[in-house]
Amino acid sequence: MAVLKFPGTNGDEDVKHVVNLYGMRGEVVWYKEFKQSEWDAVVLAGGFSYADRLRAGAIASVTSAMDQVVEAAEEGKPVLGICNGFQMLMERGLMGNGALLHNLNNRFVCKWVKVMVVDNKTPWTLDYEPGEVVDMPVAHAEGRYFSESEPNNVVFKYVENPNGSMWDVAGLHSPELKNVVGLMPHPERAAEEVLAPPGRGPGGSKVWTSLRRALKHGW
C-alpha cells in the first residue's frame, strides 16, 4: 500500500507503521514518484500539505499525484483520506457536495472523541458493525462538514461532535465509489491499545483489519 507524502504532511510514517503492524506492506511514497499501477491501495495521510495555503488540501488536490489517486479509485482500489487527506479528496470533488470549513470555535481541536460507524459496506469498515461506537482522536482546524443538504454517503458520525460538523458528519465515502473513504478522525493513532488514554479504546484498529480482509478476500 502506498502512503502518499506531500510537502507538509506528517502522518505518513504513523500510517506506514500501523499498516505493517497489521500484516500488510506499506511504504511512504513521495507524491512526485507515485504511480498508482504499482500499488493495491492508497492512503492520503494527515498533516498540513502546502501549509494549508488557499484552503486545507486545495493545492495537493490538483497535483498529478491526485490524478493518479483518481485513477486508482476508478479502478476500484481502496483509497483512504485521513484528516488533511480527507480535505484533499473533498477539494478534488470526490466526496460529493459539501465542504470542510473552519471549526465552529475557530480553534484547532485536538482530543479523543466517540465516533459511530454508519456504513460498514466499504473496504475500510468491513469489520465494524453498523451503529458501533468507537474512540478515535481528532486534530484539525478545518474539519467542520458543511452542506446545503444532508448527505447520504456518511460512513462515520460523531457521537461527541468536536467541531460543529453538520449532521455530526465525521467521514464520508465517495457517492460514486464506495472504495474511497475520507474521515477527519485519525484511525492510525487509535490502532494500538497502548496509545489510547484511560477510558478510551483503540477504535481505529478495525479500519486496518478491514483493509487487510478486503485486500485478501475482496469486499
N, C-alpha and C. Protein backbone atom coordinates (compact mmCIF):
# COMPACT_ATOMS: atom_id res chain seq x y z
N MET A 1 0.83 -1.18 0.00
CA MET A 1 0.00 0.00 0.00
C MET A 1 0.87 1.24 0.00
N ALA A 2 0.48 2.23 -0.79
CA ALA A 2 1.21 3.49 -0.85
C ALA A 2 0.62 4.48 0.14
N VAL A 3 1.49 5.10 0.93
CA VAL A 3 1.10 6.19 1.83
C VAL A 3 1.72 7.45 1.24
N LEU A 4 0.89 8.28 0.63
CA LEU A 4 1.42 9.43 -0.11
C LEU A 4 1.93 10.51 0.83
N LYS A 5 3.08 11.05 0.49
CA LYS A 5 3.67 12.15 1.25
C LYS A 5 3.74 13.39 0.37
N PHE A 6 3.07 14.43 0.79
CA PHE A 6 3.13 15.74 0.14
C PHE A 6 3.97 16.68 1.02
N PRO A 7 4.42 17.80 0.47
CA PRO A 7 5.10 18.79 1.31
C PRO A 7 4.17 19.23 2.46
N GLY A 8 4.59 18.99 3.68
CA GLY A 8 3.80 19.42 4.83
C GLY A 8 2.97 18.34 5.50
N THR A 9 2.79 17.18 4.86
CA THR A 9 2.07 16.12 5.57
C THR A 9 2.99 15.50 6.62
N ASN A 10 2.39 15.00 7.70
CA ASN A 10 3.21 14.49 8.80
C ASN A 10 2.71 13.18 9.40
N GLY A 11 1.63 12.63 8.85
CA GLY A 11 1.09 11.41 9.42
C GLY A 11 1.47 10.15 8.67
N ASP A 12 2.32 10.30 7.66
CA ASP A 12 2.61 9.17 6.77
C ASP A 12 3.34 8.04 7.47
N GLU A 13 4.33 8.37 8.31
CA GLU A 13 5.09 7.31 8.98
C GLU A 13 4.21 6.57 9.99
N ASP A 14 3.27 7.28 10.62
CA ASP A 14 2.35 6.61 11.53
C ASP A 14 1.49 5.60 10.79
N VAL A 15 1.00 6.00 9.62
CA VAL A 15 0.18 5.08 8.82
C VAL A 15 1.00 3.88 8.37
N LYS A 16 2.20 4.15 7.89
CA LYS A 16 3.08 3.04 7.47
C LYS A 16 3.29 2.06 8.62
N HIS A 17 3.56 2.58 9.81
CA HIS A 17 3.78 1.72 10.97
C HIS A 17 2.59 0.81 11.23
N VAL A 18 1.39 1.39 11.20
CA VAL A 18 0.19 0.62 11.51
C VAL A 18 -0.10 -0.40 10.42
N VAL A 19 0.07 -0.01 9.17
CA VAL A 19 -0.17 -0.94 8.06
C VAL A 19 0.72 -2.16 8.19
N ASN A 20 1.99 -1.95 8.48
CA ASN A 20 2.91 -3.07 8.65
C ASN A 20 2.61 -3.86 9.92
N LEU A 21 2.18 -3.16 10.97
CA LEU A 21 1.81 -3.83 12.21
C LEU A 21 0.69 -4.83 11.99
N TYR A 22 -0.22 -4.50 11.08
CA TYR A 22 -1.37 -5.36 10.82
C TYR A 22 -1.13 -6.34 9.66
N GLY A 23 0.13 -6.56 9.35
CA GLY A 23 0.48 -7.64 8.44
C GLY A 23 0.43 -7.32 6.97
N MET A 24 0.35 -6.04 6.63
CA MET A 24 0.40 -5.63 5.23
C MET A 24 1.71 -4.91 4.97
N ARG A 25 1.96 -4.59 3.72
CA ARG A 25 3.19 -3.87 3.38
C ARG A 25 2.83 -2.44 2.99
N GLY A 26 3.30 -1.50 3.78
CA GLY A 26 3.08 -0.10 3.48
C GLY A 26 4.39 0.62 3.27
N GLU A 27 4.40 1.53 2.32
CA GLU A 27 5.58 2.34 2.04
C GLU A 27 5.17 3.80 1.87
N VAL A 28 5.97 4.70 2.43
CA VAL A 28 5.77 6.12 2.20
C VAL A 28 6.31 6.47 0.82
N VAL A 29 5.47 7.09 0.00
CA VAL A 29 5.84 7.40 -1.38
C VAL A 29 5.74 8.91 -1.60
N TRP A 30 6.84 9.52 -2.01
CA TRP A 30 6.86 10.94 -2.34
C TRP A 30 5.91 11.19 -3.50
N TYR A 31 5.09 12.23 -3.41
CA TYR A 31 3.99 12.42 -4.34
C TYR A 31 4.44 12.50 -5.80
N LYS A 32 5.62 13.03 -6.05
CA LYS A 32 6.11 13.13 -7.43
C LYS A 32 6.51 11.78 -8.02
N GLU A 33 6.69 10.79 -7.16
CA GLU A 33 7.14 9.47 -7.61
C GLU A 33 6.01 8.44 -7.59
N PHE A 34 4.81 8.87 -7.28
CA PHE A 34 3.70 7.93 -7.12
C PHE A 34 3.16 7.46 -8.46
N LYS A 35 3.10 6.15 -8.63
CA LYS A 35 2.47 5.51 -9.79
C LYS A 35 1.45 4.52 -9.25
N GLN A 36 0.20 4.81 -9.45
CA GLN A 36 -0.84 4.01 -8.81
C GLN A 36 -0.85 2.56 -9.29
N SER A 37 -0.33 2.30 -10.47
CA SER A 37 -0.31 0.94 -11.00
C SER A 37 0.57 0.00 -10.17
N GLU A 38 1.44 0.57 -9.35
CA GLU A 38 2.37 -0.24 -8.55
C GLU A 38 1.80 -0.63 -7.19
N TRP A 39 0.56 -0.18 -6.88
CA TRP A 39 0.03 -0.36 -5.52
C TRP A 39 -1.39 -0.89 -5.54
N ASP A 40 -1.75 -1.59 -4.46
CA ASP A 40 -3.09 -2.16 -4.34
C ASP A 40 -4.05 -1.26 -3.58
N ALA A 41 -3.53 -0.30 -2.83
CA ALA A 41 -4.35 0.61 -2.05
C ALA A 41 -3.55 1.88 -1.79
N VAL A 42 -4.26 2.96 -1.46
CA VAL A 42 -3.62 4.26 -1.27
C VAL A 42 -4.19 4.93 -0.02
N VAL A 43 -3.30 5.52 0.78
CA VAL A 43 -3.73 6.35 1.91
C VAL A 43 -3.15 7.74 1.74
N LEU A 44 -4.00 8.74 1.88
CA LEU A 44 -3.58 10.14 1.95
C LEU A 44 -3.57 10.51 3.43
N ALA A 45 -2.39 10.72 3.97
CA ALA A 45 -2.24 10.90 5.41
C ALA A 45 -2.51 12.34 5.83
N GLY A 46 -2.54 12.54 7.14
CA GLY A 46 -2.82 13.85 7.70
C GLY A 46 -1.59 14.75 7.74
N GLY A 47 -1.83 15.98 8.13
CA GLY A 47 -0.77 16.97 8.21
C GLY A 47 -1.25 18.31 7.68
N PHE A 48 -0.34 19.05 7.08
CA PHE A 48 -0.65 20.40 6.59
C PHE A 48 -0.02 20.57 5.21
N SER A 49 -0.54 19.86 4.23
CA SER A 49 0.06 19.90 2.89
C SER A 49 0.09 21.34 2.38
N TYR A 50 1.26 21.72 1.87
CA TYR A 50 1.49 23.07 1.35
C TYR A 50 1.06 24.13 2.36
N ALA A 51 1.25 23.82 3.65
CA ALA A 51 0.95 24.75 4.75
C ALA A 51 -0.50 25.20 4.76
N ASP A 52 -1.40 24.40 4.18
CA ASP A 52 -2.83 24.72 4.12
C ASP A 52 -3.08 26.05 3.41
N ARG A 53 -2.18 26.42 2.49
CA ARG A 53 -2.40 27.66 1.73
C ARG A 53 -3.66 27.53 0.88
N LEU A 54 -4.31 28.64 0.61
CA LEU A 54 -5.61 28.74 -0.05
C LEU A 54 -6.68 28.13 0.86
N ARG A 55 -6.72 26.81 0.91
CA ARG A 55 -7.58 26.06 1.83
C ARG A 55 -6.88 24.75 2.11
N ALA A 56 -7.23 24.12 3.22
CA ALA A 56 -6.60 22.85 3.56
C ALA A 56 -6.84 21.82 2.46
N GLY A 57 -5.76 21.30 1.91
CA GLY A 57 -5.85 20.27 0.87
C GLY A 57 -6.03 20.78 -0.54
N ALA A 58 -6.21 22.10 -0.71
CA ALA A 58 -6.56 22.63 -2.02
C ALA A 58 -5.45 22.47 -3.04
N ILE A 59 -4.21 22.78 -2.67
CA ILE A 59 -3.11 22.70 -3.63
C ILE A 59 -2.78 21.25 -3.96
N ALA A 60 -2.71 20.42 -2.94
CA ALA A 60 -2.41 19.00 -3.17
C ALA A 60 -3.45 18.36 -4.08
N SER A 61 -4.69 18.83 -4.01
CA SER A 61 -5.78 18.20 -4.75
C SER A 61 -5.64 18.33 -6.26
N VAL A 62 -4.83 19.27 -6.72
CA VAL A 62 -4.70 19.48 -8.17
C VAL A 62 -3.34 19.02 -8.70
N THR A 63 -2.60 18.25 -7.92
CA THR A 63 -1.32 17.73 -8.38
C THR A 63 -1.52 16.50 -9.26
N SER A 64 -0.47 16.16 -10.01
CA SER A 64 -0.54 14.96 -10.85
C SER A 64 -0.69 13.70 -10.01
N ALA A 65 -0.18 13.73 -8.77
CA ALA A 65 -0.36 12.58 -7.88
C ALA A 65 -1.83 12.32 -7.61
N MET A 66 -2.61 13.38 -7.48
CA MET A 66 -4.04 13.19 -7.25
C MET A 66 -4.74 12.69 -8.50
N ASP A 67 -4.21 13.02 -9.68
CA ASP A 67 -4.74 12.40 -10.90
C ASP A 67 -4.58 10.89 -10.82
N GLN A 68 -3.43 10.46 -10.30
CA GLN A 68 -3.17 9.03 -10.13
C GLN A 68 -4.10 8.42 -9.07
N VAL A 69 -4.37 9.17 -8.02
CA VAL A 69 -5.30 8.69 -6.99
C VAL A 69 -6.68 8.48 -7.59
N VAL A 70 -7.12 9.40 -8.42
CA VAL A 70 -8.42 9.26 -9.08
C VAL A 70 -8.44 8.00 -9.95
N GLU A 71 -7.35 7.76 -10.68
CA GLU A 71 -7.26 6.55 -11.49
C GLU A 71 -7.38 5.30 -10.63
N ALA A 72 -6.66 5.29 -9.51
CA ALA A 72 -6.73 4.15 -8.59
C ALA A 72 -8.15 3.95 -8.09
N ALA A 73 -8.81 5.04 -7.74
CA ALA A 73 -10.18 4.96 -7.25
C ALA A 73 -11.11 4.39 -8.32
N GLU A 74 -10.96 4.86 -9.54
CA GLU A 74 -11.82 4.40 -10.62
C GLU A 74 -11.57 2.94 -10.98
N GLU A 75 -10.38 2.44 -10.66
CA GLU A 75 -10.07 1.02 -10.88
C GLU A 75 -10.57 0.14 -9.73
N GLY A 76 -11.15 0.76 -8.72
CA GLY A 76 -11.70 0.01 -7.61
C GLY A 76 -10.75 -0.24 -6.46
N LYS A 77 -9.59 0.38 -6.48
CA LYS A 77 -8.63 0.19 -5.39
C LYS A 77 -9.08 0.97 -4.16
N PRO A 78 -8.88 0.41 -2.96
CA PRO A 78 -9.23 1.15 -1.75
C PRO A 78 -8.39 2.42 -1.60
N VAL A 79 -9.06 3.53 -1.35
CA VAL A 79 -8.41 4.82 -1.14
C VAL A 79 -8.96 5.41 0.16
N LEU A 80 -8.06 5.84 1.03
CA LEU A 80 -8.46 6.43 2.31
C LEU A 80 -7.80 7.78 2.48
N GLY A 81 -8.59 8.79 2.83
CA GLY A 81 -8.06 10.10 3.17
C GLY A 81 -8.28 10.38 4.64
N ILE A 82 -7.21 10.61 5.38
CA ILE A 82 -7.28 10.87 6.81
C ILE A 82 -6.99 12.34 7.07
N CYS A 83 -7.93 13.05 7.68
CA CYS A 83 -7.75 14.45 8.07
C CYS A 83 -7.37 15.31 6.85
N ASN A 84 -6.14 15.72 6.72
CA ASN A 84 -5.74 16.50 5.55
C ASN A 84 -5.98 15.73 4.26
N GLY A 85 -5.83 14.41 4.32
CA GLY A 85 -6.13 13.58 3.16
C GLY A 85 -7.60 13.63 2.78
N PHE A 86 -8.48 13.67 3.78
CA PHE A 86 -9.91 13.84 3.54
C PHE A 86 -10.17 15.19 2.89
N GLN A 87 -9.48 16.22 3.37
CA GLN A 87 -9.63 17.55 2.78
C GLN A 87 -9.20 17.56 1.32
N MET A 88 -8.13 16.82 0.99
CA MET A 88 -7.70 16.70 -0.41
C MET A 88 -8.79 16.06 -1.26
N LEU A 89 -9.37 14.97 -0.77
CA LEU A 89 -10.42 14.28 -1.52
C LEU A 89 -11.63 15.19 -1.70
N MET A 90 -11.96 15.95 -0.67
CA MET A 90 -13.09 16.86 -0.75
C MET A 90 -12.81 17.96 -1.77
N GLU A 91 -11.61 18.54 -1.72
CA GLU A 91 -11.25 19.60 -2.66
C GLU A 91 -11.22 19.08 -4.10
N ARG A 92 -10.87 17.82 -4.26
CA ARG A 92 -10.81 17.23 -5.59
C ARG A 92 -12.21 16.96 -6.15
N GLY A 93 -13.22 17.00 -5.31
CA GLY A 93 -14.58 16.77 -5.75
C GLY A 93 -15.01 15.32 -5.72
N LEU A 94 -14.26 14.49 -5.01
CA LEU A 94 -14.57 13.06 -4.98
C LEU A 94 -15.62 12.70 -3.93
N MET A 95 -15.92 13.61 -3.02
CA MET A 95 -16.76 13.25 -1.88
C MET A 95 -18.16 13.84 -1.95
N GLY A 96 -18.57 14.30 -3.11
CA GLY A 96 -19.91 14.84 -3.26
C GLY A 96 -19.98 16.30 -2.88
N ASN A 97 -21.20 16.80 -2.79
CA ASN A 97 -21.39 18.20 -2.41
C ASN A 97 -21.00 18.40 -0.95
N GLY A 98 -20.58 19.60 -0.66
CA GLY A 98 -20.19 19.91 0.71
C GLY A 98 -18.78 20.44 0.77
N ALA A 99 -18.39 20.85 1.96
CA ALA A 99 -17.05 21.41 2.18
C ALA A 99 -16.65 21.16 3.63
N LEU A 100 -15.35 21.24 3.87
CA LEU A 100 -14.81 21.15 5.22
C LEU A 100 -14.31 22.54 5.61
N LEU A 101 -14.99 23.15 6.55
CA LEU A 101 -14.74 24.54 6.92
C LEU A 101 -14.04 24.62 8.27
N HIS A 102 -13.67 25.85 8.65
CA HIS A 102 -13.06 26.06 9.96
C HIS A 102 -14.01 25.59 11.06
N ASN A 103 -13.44 25.04 12.11
CA ASN A 103 -14.24 24.60 13.25
C ASN A 103 -15.09 25.75 13.77
N LEU A 104 -16.21 25.40 14.34
CA LEU A 104 -17.16 26.42 14.78
C LEU A 104 -16.55 27.36 15.80
N ASN A 105 -15.61 26.87 16.62
CA ASN A 105 -14.99 27.73 17.62
C ASN A 105 -13.76 28.46 17.09
N ASN A 106 -13.46 28.27 15.79
CA ASN A 106 -12.30 28.91 15.14
C ASN A 106 -10.99 28.55 15.83
N ARG A 107 -10.92 27.38 16.41
CA ARG A 107 -9.70 26.92 17.06
C ARG A 107 -9.30 25.55 16.55
N PHE A 108 -8.02 25.25 16.69
CA PHE A 108 -7.53 23.90 16.42
C PHE A 108 -8.02 22.99 17.54
N VAL A 109 -8.65 21.89 17.18
CA VAL A 109 -9.19 20.95 18.16
C VAL A 109 -8.37 19.67 18.14
N CYS A 110 -7.86 19.27 19.29
CA CYS A 110 -7.06 18.05 19.42
C CYS A 110 -7.55 17.29 20.65
N LYS A 111 -8.32 16.23 20.43
CA LYS A 111 -8.91 15.48 21.54
C LYS A 111 -9.42 14.14 21.03
N TRP A 112 -9.66 13.23 21.96
CA TRP A 112 -10.30 11.97 21.63
C TRP A 112 -11.81 12.15 21.68
N VAL A 113 -12.51 11.52 20.73
CA VAL A 113 -13.96 11.62 20.67
C VAL A 113 -14.55 10.24 20.37
N LYS A 114 -15.83 10.11 20.62
CA LYS A 114 -16.55 8.90 20.23
C LYS A 114 -17.17 9.09 18.85
N VAL A 115 -17.02 8.05 18.04
CA VAL A 115 -17.47 8.07 16.66
C VAL A 115 -18.35 6.85 16.42
N MET A 116 -19.44 7.04 15.69
CA MET A 116 -20.33 5.92 15.36
C MET A 116 -20.14 5.50 13.91
N VAL A 117 -20.05 4.21 13.69
CA VAL A 117 -19.94 3.66 12.33
C VAL A 117 -21.34 3.58 11.74
N VAL A 118 -21.54 4.24 10.61
CA VAL A 118 -22.83 4.25 9.94
C VAL A 118 -22.88 3.20 8.83
N ASP A 119 -21.81 3.09 8.07
CA ASP A 119 -21.78 2.22 6.88
C ASP A 119 -20.58 1.28 6.97
N ASN A 120 -20.84 -0.01 7.00
CA ASN A 120 -19.74 -0.99 7.03
C ASN A 120 -19.59 -1.72 5.69
N LYS A 121 -20.14 -1.13 4.64
CA LYS A 121 -20.03 -1.74 3.31
C LYS A 121 -18.97 -1.04 2.47
N THR A 122 -17.86 -0.72 3.09
CA THR A 122 -16.70 -0.18 2.37
C THR A 122 -15.50 -1.05 2.73
N PRO A 123 -14.43 -1.02 1.93
CA PRO A 123 -13.27 -1.85 2.27
C PRO A 123 -12.56 -1.41 3.54
N TRP A 124 -12.90 -0.25 4.04
CA TRP A 124 -12.25 0.29 5.24
C TRP A 124 -13.07 0.07 6.50
N THR A 125 -14.29 -0.48 6.38
CA THR A 125 -15.17 -0.61 7.55
C THR A 125 -15.81 -1.99 7.66
N LEU A 126 -15.33 -2.97 6.93
CA LEU A 126 -15.95 -4.29 6.89
C LEU A 126 -16.07 -4.95 8.26
N ASP A 127 -15.10 -4.73 9.12
CA ASP A 127 -15.06 -5.42 10.41
C ASP A 127 -15.85 -4.71 11.51
N TYR A 128 -16.44 -3.57 11.19
CA TYR A 128 -17.30 -2.88 12.15
C TYR A 128 -18.75 -3.35 11.99
N GLU A 129 -19.54 -3.11 13.01
CA GLU A 129 -20.98 -3.30 12.93
C GLU A 129 -21.65 -1.94 12.75
N PRO A 130 -22.71 -1.85 11.94
CA PRO A 130 -23.44 -0.58 11.85
C PRO A 130 -23.94 -0.16 13.23
N GLY A 131 -23.71 1.08 13.57
CA GLY A 131 -24.09 1.59 14.88
C GLY A 131 -23.04 1.41 15.95
N GLU A 132 -21.95 0.72 15.63
CA GLU A 132 -20.87 0.53 16.60
C GLU A 132 -20.23 1.87 16.95
N VAL A 133 -20.00 2.10 18.23
CA VAL A 133 -19.39 3.35 18.70
C VAL A 133 -17.98 3.06 19.16
N VAL A 134 -17.02 3.83 18.62
CA VAL A 134 -15.61 3.60 18.91
C VAL A 134 -14.93 4.93 19.25
N ASP A 135 -13.71 4.83 19.77
CA ASP A 135 -12.93 6.01 20.14
C ASP A 135 -11.84 6.27 19.11
N MET A 136 -11.70 7.52 18.70
CA MET A 136 -10.60 7.95 17.84
C MET A 136 -10.26 9.40 18.18
N PRO A 137 -9.01 9.81 17.96
CA PRO A 137 -8.65 11.21 18.19
C PRO A 137 -8.86 12.06 16.93
N VAL A 138 -9.14 13.33 17.15
CA VAL A 138 -9.16 14.31 16.06
C VAL A 138 -8.08 15.35 16.33
N ALA A 139 -7.61 15.97 15.27
CA ALA A 139 -6.60 17.04 15.39
C ALA A 139 -6.68 17.89 14.13
N HIS A 140 -7.52 18.92 14.16
CA HIS A 140 -7.70 19.72 12.95
C HIS A 140 -8.29 21.10 13.30
N ALA A 141 -8.13 22.01 12.36
CA ALA A 141 -8.74 23.33 12.48
C ALA A 141 -9.84 23.53 11.44
N GLU A 142 -9.77 22.77 10.34
CA GLU A 142 -10.74 22.89 9.25
C GLU A 142 -11.37 21.53 8.98
N GLY A 143 -12.24 21.11 9.88
CA GLY A 143 -12.85 19.80 9.74
C GLY A 143 -14.36 19.79 9.86
N ARG A 144 -14.95 20.98 9.91
CA ARG A 144 -16.41 21.08 10.10
C ARG A 144 -17.12 20.88 8.77
N TYR A 145 -17.84 19.78 8.67
CA TYR A 145 -18.56 19.48 7.43
C TYR A 145 -19.73 20.44 7.27
N PHE A 146 -19.87 20.97 6.05
CA PHE A 146 -20.97 21.87 5.72
C PHE A 146 -21.55 21.45 4.38
N SER A 147 -22.86 21.42 4.31
CA SER A 147 -23.54 21.12 3.05
C SER A 147 -24.93 21.72 3.10
N GLU A 148 -25.48 22.03 1.94
CA GLU A 148 -26.83 22.57 1.89
C GLU A 148 -27.89 21.49 2.06
N SER A 149 -27.50 20.24 1.90
CA SER A 149 -28.45 19.14 2.07
C SER A 149 -27.77 17.99 2.80
N GLU A 150 -28.55 17.21 3.52
CA GLU A 150 -28.00 16.11 4.30
C GLU A 150 -27.43 15.04 3.37
N PRO A 151 -26.20 14.63 3.58
CA PRO A 151 -25.58 13.65 2.68
C PRO A 151 -26.09 12.24 2.93
N ASN A 152 -26.10 11.42 1.87
CA ASN A 152 -26.50 10.02 2.01
C ASN A 152 -25.31 9.08 1.85
N ASN A 153 -24.11 9.63 1.99
CA ASN A 153 -22.88 8.83 1.83
C ASN A 153 -22.02 8.89 3.09
N VAL A 154 -22.67 8.95 4.25
CA VAL A 154 -21.96 9.05 5.53
C VAL A 154 -21.44 7.68 5.94
N VAL A 155 -20.19 7.64 6.37
CA VAL A 155 -19.57 6.41 6.87
C VAL A 155 -19.39 6.48 8.39
N PHE A 156 -18.97 7.64 8.88
CA PHE A 156 -18.77 7.84 10.32
C PHE A 156 -19.50 9.10 10.77
N LYS A 157 -20.09 9.05 11.97
CA LYS A 157 -20.69 10.22 12.60
C LYS A 157 -20.09 10.42 13.98
N TYR A 158 -19.99 11.69 14.38
CA TYR A 158 -19.55 11.99 15.74
C TYR A 158 -20.68 11.70 16.72
N VAL A 159 -20.35 11.02 17.79
CA VAL A 159 -21.22 10.94 18.96
C VAL A 159 -20.91 12.13 19.87
N GLU A 160 -19.62 12.49 19.89
CA GLU A 160 -19.16 13.69 20.59
C GLU A 160 -18.61 14.64 19.52
N ASN A 161 -19.46 15.58 19.09
CA ASN A 161 -19.10 16.45 17.97
C ASN A 161 -18.11 17.52 18.42
N PRO A 162 -16.87 17.51 17.90
CA PRO A 162 -15.85 18.43 18.40
C PRO A 162 -15.75 19.74 17.63
N ASN A 163 -16.47 19.84 16.50
CA ASN A 163 -16.19 20.98 15.62
C ASN A 163 -17.42 21.66 15.04
N GLY A 164 -18.61 21.21 15.39
CA GLY A 164 -19.82 21.79 14.83
C GLY A 164 -20.21 21.23 13.49
N SER A 165 -19.66 20.10 13.11
CA SER A 165 -19.95 19.49 11.82
C SER A 165 -21.45 19.23 11.66
N MET A 166 -22.00 19.64 10.51
CA MET A 166 -23.42 19.45 10.26
C MET A 166 -23.75 17.96 10.20
N TRP A 167 -24.90 17.61 10.77
CA TRP A 167 -25.35 16.21 10.85
C TRP A 167 -24.31 15.33 11.52
N ASP A 168 -23.42 15.93 12.29
CA ASP A 168 -22.38 15.19 13.03
C ASP A 168 -21.47 14.37 12.12
N VAL A 169 -21.33 14.80 10.88
CA VAL A 169 -20.54 14.03 9.90
C VAL A 169 -19.07 14.03 10.29
N ALA A 170 -18.50 12.82 10.40
CA ALA A 170 -17.07 12.65 10.67
C ALA A 170 -16.34 12.04 9.49
N GLY A 171 -17.06 11.33 8.62
CA GLY A 171 -16.42 10.69 7.48
C GLY A 171 -17.44 10.29 6.43
N LEU A 172 -17.00 10.29 5.18
CA LEU A 172 -17.87 10.00 4.04
C LEU A 172 -17.20 9.00 3.12
N HIS A 173 -18.00 8.37 2.26
CA HIS A 173 -17.45 7.68 1.10
C HIS A 173 -17.83 8.47 -0.14
N SER A 174 -17.10 8.27 -1.21
CA SER A 174 -17.45 8.92 -2.47
C SER A 174 -18.83 8.43 -2.90
N PRO A 175 -19.71 9.33 -3.34
CA PRO A 175 -21.05 8.89 -3.74
C PRO A 175 -21.03 7.85 -4.86
N GLU A 176 -20.05 7.95 -5.75
CA GLU A 176 -19.97 7.02 -6.87
C GLU A 176 -19.06 5.84 -6.60
N LEU A 177 -18.13 5.98 -5.65
CA LEU A 177 -17.09 4.97 -5.45
C LEU A 177 -16.96 4.66 -3.96
N LYS A 178 -17.57 3.57 -3.52
CA LYS A 178 -17.54 3.26 -2.08
C LYS A 178 -16.18 2.76 -1.61
N ASN A 179 -15.27 2.53 -2.54
CA ASN A 179 -13.90 2.17 -2.16
C ASN A 179 -13.12 3.39 -1.68
N VAL A 180 -13.66 4.58 -1.88
CA VAL A 180 -13.00 5.83 -1.48
C VAL A 180 -13.67 6.37 -0.23
N VAL A 181 -12.90 6.46 0.86
CA VAL A 181 -13.43 6.93 2.14
C VAL A 181 -12.53 8.03 2.68
N GLY A 182 -13.13 9.04 3.26
CA GLY A 182 -12.38 10.09 3.94
C GLY A 182 -12.98 10.34 5.31
N LEU A 183 -12.12 10.63 6.28
CA LEU A 183 -12.61 10.93 7.63
C LEU A 183 -11.64 11.89 8.31
N MET A 184 -12.18 12.71 9.21
CA MET A 184 -11.35 13.62 9.97
C MET A 184 -10.66 12.96 11.16
N PRO A 185 -11.29 12.04 11.88
CA PRO A 185 -10.56 11.34 12.96
C PRO A 185 -9.39 10.53 12.41
N HIS A 186 -8.45 10.22 13.30
CA HIS A 186 -7.21 9.53 12.92
C HIS A 186 -7.24 8.07 13.35
N PRO A 187 -7.60 7.13 12.48
CA PRO A 187 -7.60 5.72 12.87
C PRO A 187 -6.21 5.15 13.09
N GLU A 188 -5.20 5.75 12.49
CA GLU A 188 -3.84 5.26 12.68
C GLU A 188 -3.31 5.59 14.08
N ARG A 189 -3.89 6.59 14.72
CA ARG A 189 -3.49 6.96 16.08
C ARG A 189 -4.34 6.23 17.13
N ALA A 190 -5.25 5.41 16.66
CA ALA A 190 -6.13 4.66 17.56
C ALA A 190 -6.14 3.19 17.19
N ALA A 191 -4.98 2.69 16.78
CA ALA A 191 -4.88 1.31 16.31
C ALA A 191 -4.15 0.39 17.28
N GLU A 192 -3.66 0.95 18.39
CA GLU A 192 -2.94 0.17 19.38
C GLU A 192 -3.44 0.54 20.77
N GLU A 193 -3.64 -0.47 21.59
CA GLU A 193 -4.16 -0.26 22.95
C GLU A 193 -3.30 0.71 23.74
N VAL A 194 -1.99 0.64 23.54
CA VAL A 194 -1.06 1.45 24.33
C VAL A 194 -1.23 2.94 24.05
N LEU A 195 -1.80 3.30 22.90
CA LEU A 195 -1.95 4.71 22.54
C LEU A 195 -3.24 5.32 23.08
N ALA A 196 -4.17 4.49 23.50
CA ALA A 196 -5.46 5.00 23.95
C ALA A 196 -5.36 5.51 25.39
N PRO A 197 -5.86 6.71 25.66
CA PRO A 197 -5.84 7.22 27.03
C PRO A 197 -6.84 6.46 27.91
N PRO A 198 -6.76 6.63 29.22
CA PRO A 198 -7.69 5.95 30.12
C PRO A 198 -9.15 6.21 29.74
N GLY A 199 -9.92 5.16 29.70
CA GLY A 199 -11.33 5.28 29.36
C GLY A 199 -11.63 5.25 27.88
N ARG A 200 -10.59 5.15 27.07
CA ARG A 200 -10.77 5.10 25.62
C ARG A 200 -10.18 3.79 25.08
N GLY A 201 -10.66 3.37 23.92
CA GLY A 201 -10.16 2.15 23.31
C GLY A 201 -9.57 2.42 21.94
N PRO A 202 -8.88 1.43 21.37
CA PRO A 202 -8.26 1.59 20.04
C PRO A 202 -9.28 1.44 18.92
N GLY A 203 -10.14 2.43 18.80
CA GLY A 203 -11.27 2.32 17.87
C GLY A 203 -10.92 2.33 16.41
N GLY A 204 -9.69 2.68 16.07
CA GLY A 204 -9.30 2.69 14.67
C GLY A 204 -8.76 1.37 14.17
N SER A 205 -8.59 0.41 15.05
CA SER A 205 -7.93 -0.85 14.66
C SER A 205 -8.67 -1.58 13.55
N LYS A 206 -10.00 -1.53 13.58
CA LYS A 206 -10.77 -2.28 12.59
C LYS A 206 -10.72 -1.66 11.20
N VAL A 207 -10.31 -0.41 11.10
CA VAL A 207 -10.06 0.17 9.77
C VAL A 207 -9.00 -0.65 9.06
N TRP A 208 -7.97 -1.02 9.80
CA TRP A 208 -6.82 -1.72 9.20
C TRP A 208 -7.09 -3.21 9.04
N THR A 209 -7.83 -3.81 9.97
CA THR A 209 -8.20 -5.22 9.77
C THR A 209 -9.19 -5.35 8.63
N SER A 210 -10.05 -4.33 8.46
CA SER A 210 -10.98 -4.34 7.34
C SER A 210 -10.24 -4.28 6.01
N LEU A 211 -9.25 -3.40 5.94
CA LEU A 211 -8.48 -3.30 4.70
C LEU A 211 -7.76 -4.61 4.41
N ARG A 212 -7.16 -5.18 5.43
CA ARG A 212 -6.47 -6.46 5.25
C ARG A 212 -7.42 -7.52 4.69
N ARG A 213 -8.60 -7.56 5.24
CA ARG A 213 -9.62 -8.51 4.76
C ARG A 213 -10.03 -8.21 3.33
N ALA A 214 -10.22 -6.93 3.02
CA ALA A 214 -10.64 -6.54 1.67
C ALA A 214 -9.59 -6.90 0.63
N LEU A 215 -8.32 -6.67 0.96
CA LEU A 215 -7.25 -6.97 0.01
C LEU A 215 -7.08 -8.47 -0.18
N LYS A 216 -7.36 -9.22 0.86
CA LYS A 216 -7.16 -10.68 0.79
C LYS A 216 -8.35 -11.40 0.16
N HIS A 217 -9.55 -10.96 0.53
CA HIS A 217 -10.75 -11.70 0.13
C HIS A 217 -11.71 -10.89 -0.73
N GLY A 218 -11.44 -9.60 -0.92
CA GLY A 218 -12.37 -8.74 -1.63
C GLY A 218 -13.45 -8.22 -0.68
N TRP A 219 -14.30 -7.37 -1.19
CA TRP A 219 -15.35 -6.78 -0.36
C TRP A 219 -16.62 -6.57 -1.17
